[in-house]
Amino acid sequence: MSYPGYPLCELACKSADIDDISVSNVDIFGCLCELRKILEEKDLSIACYGARVDSYSFGLSRNMAGGAKLYLLKTGKVNELSDLHWIFEETDSKFLGTLSEQFAYYKSWLKEIYYSV
């Protein structure tokens, strides 16, 4: 994905389990999502906030921080500054999920927030 006039962000990954992987997108969160797609095909994941089911980068966290920060989404609760985290901040693997699970949680959270106001 690219937007004319805007530089792409790039992210590279290497470990004992995988060869070099390099991805690009409009921001860091987009890069992480691209990387996760590749890792999911290999049944691998990254234990960071950006891969948590209950987190998502949107709005100002994505626009102003270049996707480097995201919100930890709390059921039925509007986000506060204290809910912001760096996407590569380490987290427990019990909170991780697939991209599909993460996006489904985000959509569900949005419905709750907007229909409960």
Protein backbone atom coordinates (compact mmCIF):
# COMPACT_ATOMS: atom_id res chain seq x y z
CA MET A 1 0.00 0.00 0.00
CA SER A 2 1.30 3.47 -0.77
CA TYR A 3 0.13 7.03 -0.89
CA PRO A 4 1.73 9.35 -3.47
CA GLY A 5 3.98 11.89 -1.79
CA TYR A 6 4.26 9.96 1.46
CA PRO A 7 7.33 7.87 2.32
CA LEU A 8 6.83 4.23 3.11
CA CYS A 9 7.81 2.76 6.44
CA GLU A 10 9.91 -0.40 6.35
CA LEU A 11 10.29 -3.18 8.89
CA ALA A 12 12.72 -6.10 8.81
CA CYS A 13 12.75 -9.27 10.87
CA LYS A 14 15.16 -12.16 11.26
CA SER A 15 15.36 -15.06 13.69
CA ALA A 16 16.65 -18.61 13.93
CA ASP A 17 13.23 -19.85 12.72
CA ILE A 18 12.88 -17.63 9.63
CA ASP A 19 14.90 -16.07 6.85
CA ASP A 20 15.13 -12.31 6.49
CA ILE A 21 11.71 -10.75 6.03
CA SER A 22 11.27 -7.17 4.95
CA VAL A 23 7.90 -5.42 4.61
CA SER A 24 6.73 -1.89 3.88
CA ASN A 25 3.54 0.06 4.48
CA VAL A 26 2.41 3.61 5.20
CA ASP A 27 3.20 3.36 8.93
CA ILE A 28 4.71 1.10 11.57
CA PHE A 29 1.43 -0.55 12.54
CA GLY A 30 0.76 -1.32 8.86
CA CYS A 31 4.24 -2.85 8.60
CA LEU A 32 3.64 -4.97 11.67
CA CYS A 33 0.36 -6.24 10.16
CA GLU A 34 2.17 -7.15 6.92
CA LEU A 35 4.87 -8.96 8.91
CA ARG A 36 2.27 -10.80 10.98
CA LYS A 37 0.56 -12.04 7.79
CA ILE A 38 3.80 -13.68 6.73
CA LEU A 39 4.51 -15.07 10.21
CA GLU A 40 0.98 -16.48 10.55
CA GLU A 41 1.57 -18.55 7.40
CA LYS A 42 4.56 -20.08 9.22
CA ASP A 43 2.53 -20.54 12.44
CA LEU A 44 4.68 -17.93 14.22
CA SER A 45 3.85 -14.74 16.10
CA ILE A 46 5.47 -11.78 17.83
CA ALA A 47 4.79 -11.32 21.56
CA CYS A 48 4.18 -7.57 21.45
CA TYR A 49 1.26 -5.24 22.10
CA GLY A 50 0.76 -4.81 18.36
CA ALA A 51 -0.19 -8.49 18.11
CA ARG A 52 -2.64 -8.53 21.01
CA VAL A 53 -6.24 -9.34 20.13
CA ASP A 54 -7.45 -6.45 22.32
CA SER A 55 -5.26 -3.73 20.79
CA TYR A 56 -5.45 -1.57 17.67
CA SER A 57 -3.82 1.53 16.23
CA PHE A 58 -6.26 4.09 14.85
CA GLY A 59 -7.04 7.79 14.88
CA LEU A 60 -4.45 10.04 16.46
CA SER A 61 -2.36 7.10 17.70
CA ARG A 62 -1.84 6.14 14.09
CA ASN A 63 -1.74 9.57 12.46
CA MET A 64 0.39 11.46 14.96
CA ALA A 65 2.67 8.63 16.11
CA GLY A 66 3.10 7.04 12.68
CA GLY A 67 1.45 3.88 13.95
CA ALA A 68 4.12 3.37 16.62
CA LYS A 69 1.53 3.53 19.39
CA LEU A 70 -1.81 1.81 19.79
CA TYR A 71 -4.70 1.58 22.17
CA LEU A 72 -5.39 -1.30 24.50
CA LEU A 73 -9.14 -1.66 23.93
CA LYS A 74 -11.30 -2.16 26.99
CA THR A 75 -14.78 -3.58 26.55
CA GLY A 76 -17.45 -0.89 26.74
CA LYS A 77 -14.93 1.84 27.55
CA VAL A 78 -13.75 4.84 25.52
CA ASN A 79 -9.96 5.05 25.30
CA GLU A 80 -7.85 7.31 27.49
CA LEU A 81 -4.21 8.33 27.20
CA SER A 82 -3.32 5.69 29.79
CA ASP A 83 -4.50 3.06 27.27
CA LEU A 84 -1.73 3.99 24.79
CA HIS A 85 1.19 1.57 24.40
CA TRP A 86 4.16 1.21 22.06
CA ILE A 87 3.37 -1.49 19.51
CA PHE A 88 6.62 -3.38 20.15
CA GLU A 89 6.21 -3.34 23.93
CA GLU A 90 6.48 -6.94 25.14
CA THR A 91 3.31 -8.73 26.26
CA ASP A 92 2.29 -12.16 27.51
CA SER A 93 1.60 -14.65 24.71
CA LYS A 94 -1.82 -15.50 26.21
CA PHE A 95 -3.11 -12.17 24.79
CA LEU A 96 -1.93 -12.80 21.22
CA GLY A 97 -4.17 -13.61 18.30
CA THR A 98 -4.35 -13.55 14.53
CA LEU A 99 -4.86 -10.44 12.43
CA SER A 100 -8.45 -11.57 11.78
CA GLU A 101 -9.15 -11.99 15.49
CA GLN A 102 -7.63 -8.59 16.26
CA PHE A 103 -9.67 -6.82 13.58
CA ALA A 104 -12.87 -8.60 14.66
CA TYR A 105 -12.27 -7.49 18.27
CA TYR A 106 -11.66 -3.91 17.09
CA LYS A 107 -14.90 -3.88 15.05
CA SER A 108 -16.83 -5.32 18.00
CA TRP A 109 -15.33 -2.70 20.33
CA LEU A 110 -16.29 0.09 17.89
CA LYS A 111 -19.89 -1.14 17.73
CA GLU A 112 -20.10 -1.23 21.53
CA ILE A 113 -18.72 2.28 21.91
CA TYR A 114 -20.73 3.95 19.17
CA TYR A 115 -24.04 2.21 19.86
CA SER A 116 -23.83 2.67 23.62
CA VAL A 117 -23.31 6.45 23.52
